Amino acid sequence: MRWPLPLLLALLLAGLVFPALAADGNKIGYVSFREVSLSLQDRNARVDIDYTLDPGMDLVVIIFGAGDLEKKLERSLNFPMLRIEDVGLTHAVFTADDVALDYGGGAYWFPAHSFGVTFPLVEVRAPGCDLTFTDSRTIPQEFGYFGDKP
């Protein structure tokens, strides 16, 4: 009759510990995110993302391909129209289409954006505008800029 009490205590402890371990804000699965950098060019953005993989997962990605890794990266960025340019084991490059509103005459407006994870460092570059945010899940500041197209 004494075994149910230790079992219940172990289950209670596991219920308290494991959710706390899973609540890491800059991580999705086996990917830990370090930095994201957006370079705005007219309506589109080049998105560079730096990350690390859990120990041993680089071998899994090499053997089985980067399909699952790509999905995790796309989910972290949370842009509806992403094109994969390059995905490696620690760095990826995407093109995000139509992230800014075109007001004509070469004027663009970048609205606030929410990511799927918290990035320790977020950098946004546009002509005449450089923004940096730390430990951010959003780009909270909306701003206008002028692009190359008249």
C-alpha atoms as a PDB file:
ATOM      1  CA  MET A   1       0.000   0.000   0.000  1.00  0.00           C
ATOM      2  CA  ARG A   2       2.985   2.313   0.320  1.00  0.00           C
ATOM      3  CA  TRP A   3       3.882   2.395  -3.369  1.00  0.00           C
ATOM      4  CA  PRO A   4       1.011   4.726  -4.496  1.00  0.00           C
ATOM      5  CA  LEU A   5       2.296   7.624  -2.385  1.00  0.00           C
ATOM      6  CA  PRO A   6       5.835   7.703  -3.917  1.00  0.00           C
ATOM      7  CA  LEU A   7       4.305   7.220  -7.367  1.00  0.00           C
ATOM      8  CA  LEU A   8       1.909  10.119  -6.836  1.00  0.00           C
ATOM      9  CA  LEU A   9       4.730  12.324  -5.555  1.00  0.00           C
ATOM     10  CA  ALA A  10       6.866  11.469  -8.593  1.00  0.00           C
ATOM     11  CA  LEU A  11       4.002  12.279 -10.969  1.00  0.00           C
ATOM     12  CA  LEU A  12       3.338  15.565  -9.177  1.00  0.00           C
ATOM     13  CA  LEU A  13       7.011  16.516  -9.352  1.00  0.00           C
ATOM     14  CA  ALA A  14       7.182  15.617 -13.053  1.00  0.00           C
ATOM     15  CA  GLY A  15       4.073  17.697 -13.681  1.00  0.00           C
ATOM     16  CA  LEU A  16       5.731  20.701 -12.082  1.00  0.00           C
ATOM     17  CA  VAL A  17       9.212  20.316 -13.586  1.00  0.00           C
ATOM     18  CA  PHE A  18       8.620  19.351 -17.219  1.00  0.00           C
ATOM     19  CA  PRO A  19       6.304  22.239 -18.165  1.00  0.00           C
ATOM     20  CA  ALA A  20       8.905  24.643 -16.797  1.00  0.00           C
ATOM     21  CA  LEU A  21      11.574  22.993 -18.915  1.00  0.00           C
ATOM     22  CA  ALA A  22       9.402  23.174 -22.028  1.00  0.00           C
ATOM     23  CA  ALA A  23       8.593  26.859 -21.505  1.00  0.00           C
ATOM     24  CA  ASP A  24      11.854  28.125 -22.987  1.00  0.00           C
ATOM     25  CA  GLY A  25      10.708  31.124 -25.035  1.00  0.00           C
ATOM     26  CA  ASN A  26      13.471  31.083 -27.644  1.00  0.00           C
ATOM     27  CA  LYS A  27      13.141  27.416 -28.539  1.00  0.00           C
ATOM     28  CA  ILE A  28      10.940  25.282 -30.779  1.00  0.00           C
ATOM     29  CA  GLY A  29      11.638  21.576 -30.401  1.00  0.00           C
ATOM     30  CA  TYR A  30      15.357  20.993 -30.902  1.00  0.00           C
ATOM     31  CA  VAL A  31      16.080  24.494 -32.282  1.00  0.00           C
ATOM     32  CA  SER A  32      17.263  27.342 -30.021  1.00  0.00           C
ATOM     33  CA  PHE A  33      17.084  30.751 -31.662  1.00  0.00           C
ATOM     34  CA  ARG A  34      19.824  33.370 -31.237  1.00  0.00           C
ATOM     35  CA  GLU A  35      19.222  36.203 -33.684  1.00  0.00           C
ATOM     36  CA  VAL A  36      17.044  37.350 -36.551  1.00  0.00           C
ATOM     37  CA  SER A  37      17.927  40.153 -38.938  1.00  0.00           C
ATOM     38  CA  LEU A  38      15.529  41.709 -41.453  1.00  0.00           C
ATOM     39  CA  SER A  39      16.844  43.790 -44.352  1.00  0.00           C
ATOM     40  CA  LEU A  40      13.915  45.569 -45.965  1.00  0.00           C
ATOM     41  CA  GLN A  41      14.082  46.209 -49.692  1.00  0.00           C
ATOM     42  CA  ASP A  42      10.960  47.834 -51.085  1.00  0.00           C
ATOM     43  CA  ARG A  43       8.002  45.565 -50.069  1.00  0.00           C
ATOM     44  CA  ASN A  44      10.116  42.482 -49.346  1.00  0.00           C
ATOM     45  CA  ALA A  45      12.672  41.492 -46.725  1.00  0.00           C
ATOM     46  CA  ARG A  46      15.753  39.319 -46.643  1.00  0.00           C
ATOM     47  CA  VAL A  47      15.575  37.421 -43.340  1.00  0.00           C
ATOM     48  CA  ASP A  48      18.746  35.989 -41.796  1.00  0.00           C
ATOM     49  CA  ILE A  49      18.252  33.760 -38.783  1.00  0.00           C
ATOM     50  CA  ASP A  50      20.902  32.273 -36.494  1.00  0.00           C
ATOM     51  CA  TYR A  51      20.169  29.282 -34.276  1.00  0.00           C
ATOM     52  CA  THR A  52      21.678  26.225 -32.635  1.00  0.00           C
ATOM     53  CA  LEU A  53      20.482  22.631 -32.688  1.00  0.00           C
ATOM     54  CA  ASP A  54      20.333  20.363 -29.650  1.00  0.00           C
ATOM     55  CA  PRO A  55      23.295  17.961 -29.359  1.00  0.00           C
ATOM     56  CA  GLY A  56      23.075  15.146 -31.888  1.00  0.00           C
ATOM     57  CA  MET A  57      20.327  16.767 -33.962  1.00  0.00           C
ATOM     58  CA  ASP A  58      22.753  18.068 -36.578  1.00  0.00           C
ATOM     59  CA  LEU A  59      23.479  14.463 -37.549  1.00  0.00           C
ATOM     60  CA  VAL A  60      19.747  13.712 -37.741  1.00  0.00           C
ATOM     61  CA  VAL A  61      19.217  16.746 -40.016  1.00  0.00           C
ATOM     62  CA  ILE A  62      22.133  15.677 -42.234  1.00  0.00           C
ATOM     63  CA  ILE A  63      20.846  12.106 -42.545  1.00  0.00           C
ATOM     64  CA  PHE A  64      17.098  12.725 -42.867  1.00  0.00           C
ATOM     65  CA  GLY A  65      17.095  16.187 -44.455  1.00  0.00           C
ATOM     66  CA  ALA A  66      16.131  19.646 -43.312  1.00  0.00           C
ATOM     67  CA  GLY A  67      12.357  19.480 -43.955  1.00  0.00           C
ATOM     68  CA  ASP A  68      11.380  19.517 -40.271  1.00  0.00           C
ATOM     69  CA  LEU A  69      14.023  22.153 -39.488  1.00  0.00           C
ATOM     70  CA  GLU A  70      12.652  24.386 -42.262  1.00  0.00           C
ATOM     71  CA  LYS A  71       9.139  24.127 -40.809  1.00  0.00           C
ATOM     72  CA  LYS A  72      10.381  25.076 -37.341  1.00  0.00           C
ATOM     73  CA  LEU A  73      12.262  28.067 -38.767  1.00  0.00           C
ATOM     74  CA  GLU A  74       9.216  29.209 -40.748  1.00  0.00           C
ATOM     75  CA  ARG A  75       7.028  28.883 -37.648  1.00  0.00           C
ATOM     76  CA  SER A  76       9.476  30.970 -35.618  1.00  0.00           C
ATOM     77  CA  LEU A  77       9.452  33.806 -38.173  1.00  0.00           C
ATOM     78  CA  ASN A  78       5.666  33.881 -38.634  1.00  0.00           C
ATOM     79  CA  PHE A  79       5.611  35.579 -42.041  1.00  0.00           C
ATOM     80  CA  PRO A  80       2.843  34.336 -44.363  1.00  0.00           C
ATOM     81  CA  MET A  81       4.868  34.453 -47.584  1.00  0.00           C
ATOM     82  CA  LEU A  82       8.344  33.005 -46.978  1.00  0.00           C
ATOM     83  CA  ARG A  83      10.698  31.591 -49.574  1.00  0.00           C
ATOM     84  CA  ILE A  84      13.663  29.487 -48.479  1.00  0.00           C
ATOM     85  CA  GLU A  85      16.952  30.666 -49.931  1.00  0.00           C
ATOM     86  CA  ASP A  86      19.384  28.610 -47.839  1.00  0.00           C
ATOM     87  CA  VAL A  87      19.152  26.454 -44.694  1.00  0.00           C
ATOM     88  CA  GLY A  88      22.244  25.248 -42.862  1.00  0.00           C
ATOM     89  CA  LEU A  89      22.915  23.760 -39.443  1.00  0.00           C
ATOM     90  CA  THR A  90      23.324  27.163 -37.706  1.00  0.00           C
ATOM     91  CA  HIS A  91      22.099  29.798 -40.177  1.00  0.00           C
ATOM     92  CA  ALA A  92      19.277  30.200 -42.684  1.00  0.00           C
ATOM     93  CA  VAL A  93      18.254  32.824 -45.213  1.00  0.00           C
ATOM     94  CA  PHE A  94      14.664  33.467 -46.293  1.00  0.00           C
ATOM     95  CA  THR A  95      12.916  36.017 -48.452  1.00  0.00           C
ATOM     96  CA  ALA A  96       9.677  37.328 -46.979  1.00  0.00           C
ATOM     97  CA  ASP A  97       7.406  38.767 -49.674  1.00  0.00           C
ATOM     98  CA  ASP A  98       5.017  41.672 -49.139  1.00  0.00           C
ATOM     99  CA  VAL A  99       5.982  42.467 -45.534  1.00  0.00           C
ATOM    100  CA  ALA A 100       5.593  46.224 -46.091  1.00  0.00           C
ATOM    101  CA  LEU A 101       2.749  48.284 -47.476  1.00  0.00           C
ATOM    102  CA  ASP A 102       3.471  50.197 -50.687  1.00  0.00           C
ATOM    103  CA  TYR A 103       2.203  53.791 -50.489  1.00  0.00           C
ATOM    104  CA  GLY A 104       3.478  54.646 -53.970  1.00  0.00           C
ATOM    105  CA  GLY A 105       6.264  56.984 -54.995  1.00  0.00           C
ATOM    106  CA  GLY A 106       8.842  54.724 -53.347  1.00  0.00           C
ATOM    107  CA  ALA A 107       7.296  55.112 -49.862  1.00  0.00           C
ATOM    108  CA  TYR A 108       6.745  52.003 -47.741  1.00  0.00           C
ATOM    109  CA  TRP A 109       5.279  51.273 -44.313  1.00  0.00           C
ATOM    110  CA  PHE A 110       6.426  48.350 -42.169  1.00  0.00           C
ATOM    111  CA  PRO A 111       3.729  47.364 -39.650  1.00  0.00           C
ATOM    112  CA  ALA A 112       4.425  45.802 -36.267  1.00  0.00           C
ATOM    113  CA  HIS A 113       5.157  42.072 -36.458  1.00  0.00           C
ATOM    114  CA  SER A 114       4.925  39.158 -34.001  1.00  0.00           C
ATOM    115  CA  PHE A 115       7.297  36.197 -34.183  1.00  0.00           C
ATOM    116  CA  GLY A 116       6.535  32.644 -33.108  1.00  0.00           C
ATOM    117  CA  VAL A 117       9.363  32.680 -30.520  1.00  0.00           C
ATOM    118  CA  THR A 118      11.327  35.171 -28.456  1.00  0.00           C
ATOM    119  CA  PHE A 119      14.575  36.121 -30.169  1.00  0.00           C
ATOM    120  CA  PRO A 120      17.470  37.264 -27.968  1.00  0.00           C
ATOM    121  CA  LEU A 121      18.369  39.788 -30.697  1.00  0.00           C
ATOM    122  CA  VAL A 122      16.193  41.289 -33.441  1.00  0.00           C
ATOM    123  CA  GLU A 123      17.684  43.682 -35.995  1.00  0.00           C
ATOM    124  CA  VAL A 124      15.693  45.532 -38.641  1.00  0.00           C
ATOM    125  CA  ARG A 125      17.381  47.495 -41.403  1.00  0.00           C
ATOM    126  CA  ALA A 126      15.648  49.682 -43.957  1.00  0.00           C
ATOM    127  CA  PRO A 127      16.934  52.630 -45.976  1.00  0.00           C
ATOM    128  CA  GLY A 128      17.463  55.367 -43.384  1.00  0.00           C
ATOM    129  CA  CYS A 129      16.351  53.241 -40.431  1.00  0.00           C
ATOM    130  CA  ASP A 130      18.142  50.735 -38.169  1.00  0.00           C
ATOM    131  CA  LEU A 131      16.300  49.225 -35.208  1.00  0.00           C
ATOM    132  CA  THR A 132      17.540  46.750 -32.591  1.00  0.00           C
ATOM    133  CA  PHE A 133      15.440  44.898 -30.018  1.00  0.00           C
ATOM    134  CA  THR A 134      16.625  42.467 -27.351  1.00  0.00           C
ATOM    135  CA  ASP A 135      14.678  39.531 -25.939  1.00  0.00           C
ATOM    136  CA  SER A 136      11.772  40.323 -28.199  1.00  0.00           C
ATOM    137  CA  ARG A 137       8.894  38.316 -29.579  1.00  0.00           C
ATOM    138  CA  THR A 138       7.767  41.298 -31.666  1.00  0.00           C
ATOM    139  CA  ILE A 139       8.892  44.181 -33.780  1.00  0.00           C
ATOM    140  CA  PRO A 140       6.660  46.605 -31.885  1.00  0.00           C
ATOM    141  CA  GLN A 141       7.607  49.753 -33.714  1.00  0.00           C
ATOM    142  CA  GLU A 142       5.903  50.571 -37.013  1.00  0.00           C
ATOM    143  CA  PHE A 143       7.844  52.823 -39.345  1.00  0.00           C
ATOM    144  CA  GLY A 144       7.974  54.243 -42.841  1.00  0.00           C
ATOM    145  CA  TYR A 145      10.904  54.262 -45.232  1.00  0.00           C
ATOM    146  CA  PHE A 146      11.749  55.015 -48.837  1.00  0.00           C
ATOM    147  CA  GLY A 147      12.792  52.201 -51.158  1.00  0.00           C
ATOM    148  CA  ASP A 148      14.655  52.068 -54.439  1.00  0.00           C
ATOM    149  CA  LYS A 149      11.615  51.938 -56.740  1.00  0.00           C
ATOM    150  CA  PRO A 150      10.016  55.305 -57.577  1.00  0.00           C
END
